[in-house]
Amino acid sequence: MTIQGGEHDEKKQGNHQGSRLTYLVAGLGIGALVGVLLAPQSGGDTREWFATKYKDGMDSVNAKVKQTRQQVSELIDRGQQQVSEAMDKGREAFSKAKAAGV
């Protein structure tokens, strides 16, 4: 019976955490709605402000993606160069060992 009680407590705790998340999301949504409705700007100005912020955010994300792609490309190029150098040194060592009769 104790095991079942423990499972029941875990289910209650999981449901409690789920309801907290639901209340958090609902509260954020209501707060955003009230903020928009009570904003001192007209609807057109508010939409323009949202559009500008969205565009600025997308521009920022695109810049970060471009920067990350460039960094990854540089890392790949360096890795390929190091592998190529290591293979050349290995071939050279193999040739020397073969010439020495090892």
N, C-alpha and C. Protein backbone atom coordinates (compact mmCIF):
# COMPACT_ATOMS: atom_id res chain seq x y z
N MET A 1 0.81 -1.19 0.00
CA MET A 1 0.00 0.00 0.00
C MET A 1 0.87 1.27 0.00
N THR A 2 2.01 1.20 0.60
CA THR A 2 2.89 2.37 0.66
C THR A 2 3.38 2.74 -0.73
N ILE A 3 3.65 1.74 -1.57
CA ILE A 3 4.14 2.01 -2.91
C ILE A 3 3.09 2.75 -3.72
N GLN A 4 1.84 2.32 -3.60
CA GLN A 4 0.78 2.99 -4.32
C GLN A 4 0.62 4.43 -3.86
N GLY A 5 0.75 4.66 -2.58
CA GLY A 5 0.64 6.02 -2.05
C GLY A 5 1.75 6.90 -2.59
N GLY A 6 2.97 6.34 -2.72
CA GLY A 6 4.09 7.09 -3.27
C GLY A 6 3.86 7.45 -4.72
N GLU A 7 3.29 6.50 -5.48
CA GLU A 7 2.99 6.77 -6.88
C GLU A 7 1.92 7.85 -6.99
N HIS A 8 0.93 7.79 -6.10
CA HIS A 8 -0.14 8.78 -6.11
C HIS A 8 0.43 10.17 -5.81
N ASP A 9 1.35 10.25 -4.84
CA ASP A 9 1.97 11.53 -4.49
C ASP A 9 2.77 12.09 -5.67
N GLU A 10 3.48 11.21 -6.39
CA GLU A 10 4.25 11.66 -7.56
C GLU A 10 3.32 12.18 -8.64
N LYS A 11 2.19 11.53 -8.87
CA LYS A 11 1.23 11.99 -9.87
C LYS A 11 0.65 13.34 -9.46
N LYS A 12 0.33 13.50 -8.17
CA LYS A 12 -0.19 14.78 -7.68
C LYS A 12 0.83 15.89 -7.89
N GLN A 13 2.09 15.60 -7.60
CA GLN A 13 3.14 16.60 -7.75
C GLN A 13 3.32 16.96 -9.22
N GLY A 14 3.28 15.97 -10.12
CA GLY A 14 3.39 16.23 -11.55
C GLY A 14 2.24 17.09 -12.05
N ASN A 15 1.02 16.78 -11.59
CA ASN A 15 -0.13 17.58 -11.98
C ASN A 15 -0.03 19.00 -11.43
N HIS A 16 0.51 19.13 -10.22
CA HIS A 16 0.66 20.44 -9.60
C HIS A 16 1.64 21.29 -10.41
N GLN A 17 2.74 20.69 -10.85
CA GLN A 17 3.71 21.42 -11.66
C GLN A 17 3.12 21.81 -13.01
N GLY A 18 2.33 20.92 -13.59
CA GLY A 18 1.67 21.23 -14.85
C GLY A 18 0.70 22.38 -14.72
N SER A 19 -0.04 22.41 -13.59
CA SER A 19 -0.99 23.50 -13.40
C SER A 19 -0.24 24.81 -13.15
N ARG A 20 0.90 24.77 -12.51
CA ARG A 20 1.70 25.99 -12.32
C ARG A 20 2.13 26.56 -13.67
N LEU A 21 2.57 25.68 -14.56
CA LEU A 21 2.98 26.12 -15.88
C LEU A 21 1.81 26.71 -16.65
N THR A 22 0.65 26.09 -16.53
CA THR A 22 -0.55 26.60 -17.19
C THR A 22 -0.89 27.99 -16.67
N TYR A 23 -0.85 28.17 -15.36
CA TYR A 23 -1.14 29.48 -14.79
C TYR A 23 -0.10 30.52 -15.22
N LEU A 24 1.15 30.12 -15.30
CA LEU A 24 2.21 31.04 -15.73
C LEU A 24 1.95 31.51 -17.16
N VAL A 25 1.68 30.56 -18.05
CA VAL A 25 1.43 30.92 -19.46
C VAL A 25 0.18 31.79 -19.57
N ALA A 26 -0.88 31.42 -18.85
CA ALA A 26 -2.11 32.22 -18.88
C ALA A 26 -1.85 33.63 -18.35
N GLY A 27 -1.10 33.74 -17.28
CA GLY A 27 -0.78 35.05 -16.71
C GLY A 27 0.03 35.91 -17.66
N LEU A 28 1.00 35.30 -18.32
CA LEU A 28 1.79 36.05 -19.29
C LEU A 28 0.92 36.54 -20.45
N GLY A 29 0.03 35.67 -20.92
CA GLY A 29 -0.86 36.06 -22.01
C GLY A 29 -1.79 37.19 -21.61
N ILE A 30 -2.37 37.07 -20.43
CA ILE A 30 -3.28 38.12 -19.95
C ILE A 30 -2.52 39.42 -19.74
N GLY A 31 -1.34 39.34 -19.18
CA GLY A 31 -0.53 40.55 -18.97
C GLY A 31 -0.18 41.23 -20.28
N ALA A 32 0.19 40.44 -21.29
CA ALA A 32 0.51 41.03 -22.60
C ALA A 32 -0.71 41.68 -23.21
N LEU A 33 -1.86 41.02 -23.11
CA LEU A 33 -3.11 41.57 -23.66
C LEU A 33 -3.49 42.87 -22.96
N VAL A 34 -3.43 42.90 -21.65
CA VAL A 34 -3.77 44.11 -20.91
C VAL A 34 -2.78 45.23 -21.25
N GLY A 35 -1.51 44.88 -21.39
CA GLY A 35 -0.51 45.89 -21.76
C GLY A 35 -0.79 46.50 -23.12
N VAL A 36 -1.19 45.68 -24.07
CA VAL A 36 -1.51 46.20 -25.40
C VAL A 36 -2.77 47.04 -25.36
N LEU A 37 -3.78 46.57 -24.64
CA LEU A 37 -5.04 47.31 -24.58
C LEU A 37 -4.91 48.65 -23.87
N LEU A 38 -4.05 48.71 -22.88
CA LEU A 38 -3.91 49.93 -22.10
C LEU A 38 -2.75 50.80 -22.58
N ALA A 39 -2.14 50.42 -23.68
CA ALA A 39 -1.00 51.18 -24.21
C ALA A 39 -1.45 52.59 -24.59
N PRO A 40 -0.60 53.57 -24.37
CA PRO A 40 -0.98 54.95 -24.70
C PRO A 40 -0.95 55.25 -26.19
N GLN A 41 -0.59 54.28 -27.03
CA GLN A 41 -0.51 54.50 -28.46
C GLN A 41 -1.75 53.95 -29.15
N SER A 42 -1.97 54.41 -30.37
CA SER A 42 -3.09 53.89 -31.16
C SER A 42 -2.76 52.49 -31.64
N GLY A 43 -3.77 51.78 -32.13
CA GLY A 43 -3.56 50.42 -32.62
C GLY A 43 -2.56 50.36 -33.76
N GLY A 44 -2.64 51.32 -34.68
CA GLY A 44 -1.70 51.36 -35.80
C GLY A 44 -0.27 51.56 -35.33
N ASP A 45 -0.09 52.45 -34.36
CA ASP A 45 1.25 52.69 -33.82
C ASP A 45 1.77 51.45 -33.10
N THR A 46 0.88 50.79 -32.38
CA THR A 46 1.27 49.58 -31.65
C THR A 46 1.67 48.48 -32.64
N ARG A 47 0.89 48.30 -33.70
CA ARG A 47 1.23 47.30 -34.71
C ARG A 47 2.56 47.62 -35.38
N GLU A 48 2.78 48.90 -35.65
CA GLU A 48 4.04 49.32 -36.26
C GLU A 48 5.20 49.04 -35.32
N TRP A 49 5.00 49.31 -34.02
CA TRP A 49 6.04 49.05 -33.03
C TRP A 49 6.37 47.56 -32.98
N PHE A 50 5.29 46.70 -32.96
CA PHE A 50 5.51 45.26 -32.96
C PHE A 50 6.25 44.83 -34.22
N ALA A 51 5.86 45.36 -35.38
CA ALA A 51 6.50 44.99 -36.64
C ALA A 51 7.97 45.39 -36.63
N THR A 52 8.26 46.56 -36.12
CA THR A 52 9.65 47.03 -36.04
C THR A 52 10.47 46.14 -35.12
N LYS A 53 9.92 45.81 -33.96
CA LYS A 53 10.63 44.94 -33.02
C LYS A 53 10.85 43.56 -33.61
N TYR A 54 9.84 43.04 -34.32
CA TYR A 54 9.96 41.73 -34.96
C TYR A 54 11.06 41.76 -36.01
N LYS A 55 11.06 42.81 -36.84
CA LYS A 55 12.08 42.93 -37.89
C LYS A 55 13.47 43.05 -37.28
N ASP A 56 13.59 43.86 -36.23
CA ASP A 56 14.89 44.01 -35.55
C ASP A 56 15.35 42.68 -34.98
N GLY A 57 14.43 41.94 -34.39
CA GLY A 57 14.77 40.62 -33.83
C GLY A 57 15.21 39.65 -34.91
N MET A 58 14.49 39.64 -36.03
CA MET A 58 14.85 38.75 -37.14
C MET A 58 16.20 39.13 -37.74
N ASP A 59 16.46 40.43 -37.86
CA ASP A 59 17.75 40.89 -38.36
C ASP A 59 18.87 40.44 -37.44
N SER A 60 18.64 40.55 -36.14
CA SER A 60 19.63 40.12 -35.16
C SER A 60 19.89 38.62 -35.25
N VAL A 61 18.81 37.84 -35.35
CA VAL A 61 18.95 36.38 -35.46
C VAL A 61 19.69 36.02 -36.74
N ASN A 62 19.34 36.65 -37.85
CA ASN A 62 20.02 36.37 -39.12
C ASN A 62 21.50 36.70 -39.06
N ALA A 63 21.84 37.81 -38.41
CA ALA A 63 23.25 38.18 -38.26
C ALA A 63 24.00 37.14 -37.44
N LYS A 64 23.38 36.67 -36.36
CA LYS A 64 24.02 35.64 -35.52
C LYS A 64 24.19 34.33 -36.28
N VAL A 65 23.18 33.97 -37.07
CA VAL A 65 23.27 32.73 -37.87
C VAL A 65 24.40 32.85 -38.88
N LYS A 66 24.49 34.00 -39.53
CA LYS A 66 25.56 34.21 -40.52
C LYS A 66 26.93 34.13 -39.85
N GLN A 67 27.06 34.75 -38.69
CA GLN A 67 28.32 34.73 -37.94
C GLN A 67 28.67 33.30 -37.53
N THR A 68 27.69 32.56 -37.06
CA THR A 68 27.92 31.18 -36.63
C THR A 68 28.33 30.31 -37.81
N ARG A 69 27.66 30.48 -38.95
CA ARG A 69 28.04 29.72 -40.15
C ARG A 69 29.48 30.00 -40.54
N GLN A 70 29.88 31.26 -40.48
CA GLN A 70 31.25 31.62 -40.83
C GLN A 70 32.24 30.97 -39.86
N GLN A 71 31.94 30.99 -38.57
CA GLN A 71 32.82 30.38 -37.58
C GLN A 71 32.93 28.87 -37.79
N VAL A 72 31.80 28.23 -38.08
CA VAL A 72 31.81 26.78 -38.31
C VAL A 72 32.62 26.46 -39.56
N SER A 73 32.46 27.27 -40.60
CA SER A 73 33.21 27.07 -41.84
C SER A 73 34.72 27.19 -41.58
N GLU A 74 35.10 28.19 -40.80
CA GLU A 74 36.52 28.36 -40.46
C GLU A 74 37.04 27.17 -39.66
N LEU A 75 36.25 26.67 -38.72
CA LEU A 75 36.66 25.50 -37.93
C LEU A 75 36.83 24.27 -38.82
N ILE A 76 35.92 24.08 -39.76
CA ILE A 76 36.01 22.94 -40.67
C ILE A 76 37.25 23.05 -41.53
N ASP A 77 37.52 24.25 -42.04
CA ASP A 77 38.71 24.46 -42.87
C ASP A 77 39.99 24.16 -42.08
N ARG A 78 40.05 24.64 -40.83
CA ARG A 78 41.23 24.36 -40.00
C ARG A 78 41.36 22.88 -39.71
N GLY A 79 40.25 22.22 -39.43
CA GLY A 79 40.28 20.78 -39.17
C GLY A 79 40.76 20.00 -40.38
N GLN A 80 40.27 20.36 -41.56
CA GLN A 80 40.71 19.69 -42.78
C GLN A 80 42.20 19.91 -43.03
N GLN A 81 42.66 21.12 -42.76
CA GLN A 81 44.08 21.42 -42.94
C GLN A 81 44.93 20.60 -41.97
N GLN A 82 44.50 20.48 -40.72
CA GLN A 82 45.25 19.71 -39.74
C GLN A 82 45.27 18.22 -40.10
N VAL A 83 44.16 17.70 -40.59
CA VAL A 83 44.10 16.30 -41.00
C VAL A 83 45.03 16.07 -42.17
N SER A 84 45.02 16.99 -43.13
CA SER A 84 45.89 16.87 -44.30
C SER A 84 47.36 16.90 -43.89
N GLU A 85 47.72 17.81 -42.98
CA GLU A 85 49.10 17.88 -42.50
C GLU A 85 49.49 16.60 -41.77
N ALA A 86 48.60 16.08 -40.95
CA ALA A 86 48.89 14.85 -40.21
C ALA A 86 49.08 13.68 -41.17
N MET A 87 48.26 13.60 -42.22
CA MET A 87 48.41 12.52 -43.20
C MET A 87 49.72 12.65 -43.96
N ASP A 88 50.11 13.87 -44.32
CA ASP A 88 51.39 14.08 -45.00
C ASP A 88 52.55 13.65 -44.13
N LYS A 89 52.51 13.99 -42.84
CA LYS A 89 53.58 13.59 -41.91
C LYS A 89 53.60 12.08 -41.74
N GLY A 90 52.42 11.47 -41.69
CA GLY A 90 52.36 10.01 -41.57
C GLY A 90 52.94 9.33 -42.80
N ARG A 91 52.60 9.81 -43.96
CA ARG A 91 53.17 9.25 -45.20
C ARG A 91 54.67 9.42 -45.24
N GLU A 92 55.13 10.60 -44.82
CA GLU A 92 56.58 10.86 -44.80
C GLU A 92 57.27 9.91 -43.84
N ALA A 93 56.71 9.72 -42.66
CA ALA A 93 57.31 8.81 -41.67
C ALA A 93 57.31 7.38 -42.20
N PHE A 94 56.23 6.99 -42.88
CA PHE A 94 56.14 5.64 -43.44
C PHE A 94 57.21 5.45 -44.53
N SER A 95 57.38 6.46 -45.37
CA SER A 95 58.38 6.38 -46.44
C SER A 95 59.79 6.27 -45.85
N LYS A 96 60.08 7.06 -44.81
CA LYS A 96 61.40 6.99 -44.17
C LYS A 96 61.63 5.62 -43.54
N ALA A 97 60.59 5.09 -42.88
CA ALA A 97 60.72 3.79 -42.24
C ALA A 97 60.92 2.71 -43.29
N LYS A 98 60.23 2.80 -44.39
CA LYS A 98 60.34 1.82 -45.47
C LYS A 98 61.73 1.88 -46.10
N ALA A 99 62.25 3.11 -46.29
CA ALA A 99 63.57 3.29 -46.87
C ALA A 99 64.66 2.77 -45.93
N ALA A 100 64.42 2.87 -44.64
CA ALA A 100 65.40 2.41 -43.64
C ALA A 100 65.31 0.90 -43.46
N GLY A 101 64.31 0.29 -44.04
CA GLY A 101 64.19 -1.17 -43.96
C GLY A 101 63.48 -1.65 -42.72
N VAL A 102 62.71 -0.83 -42.10
CA VAL A 102 62.00 -1.23 -40.88
C VAL A 102 60.76 -1.99 -41.20
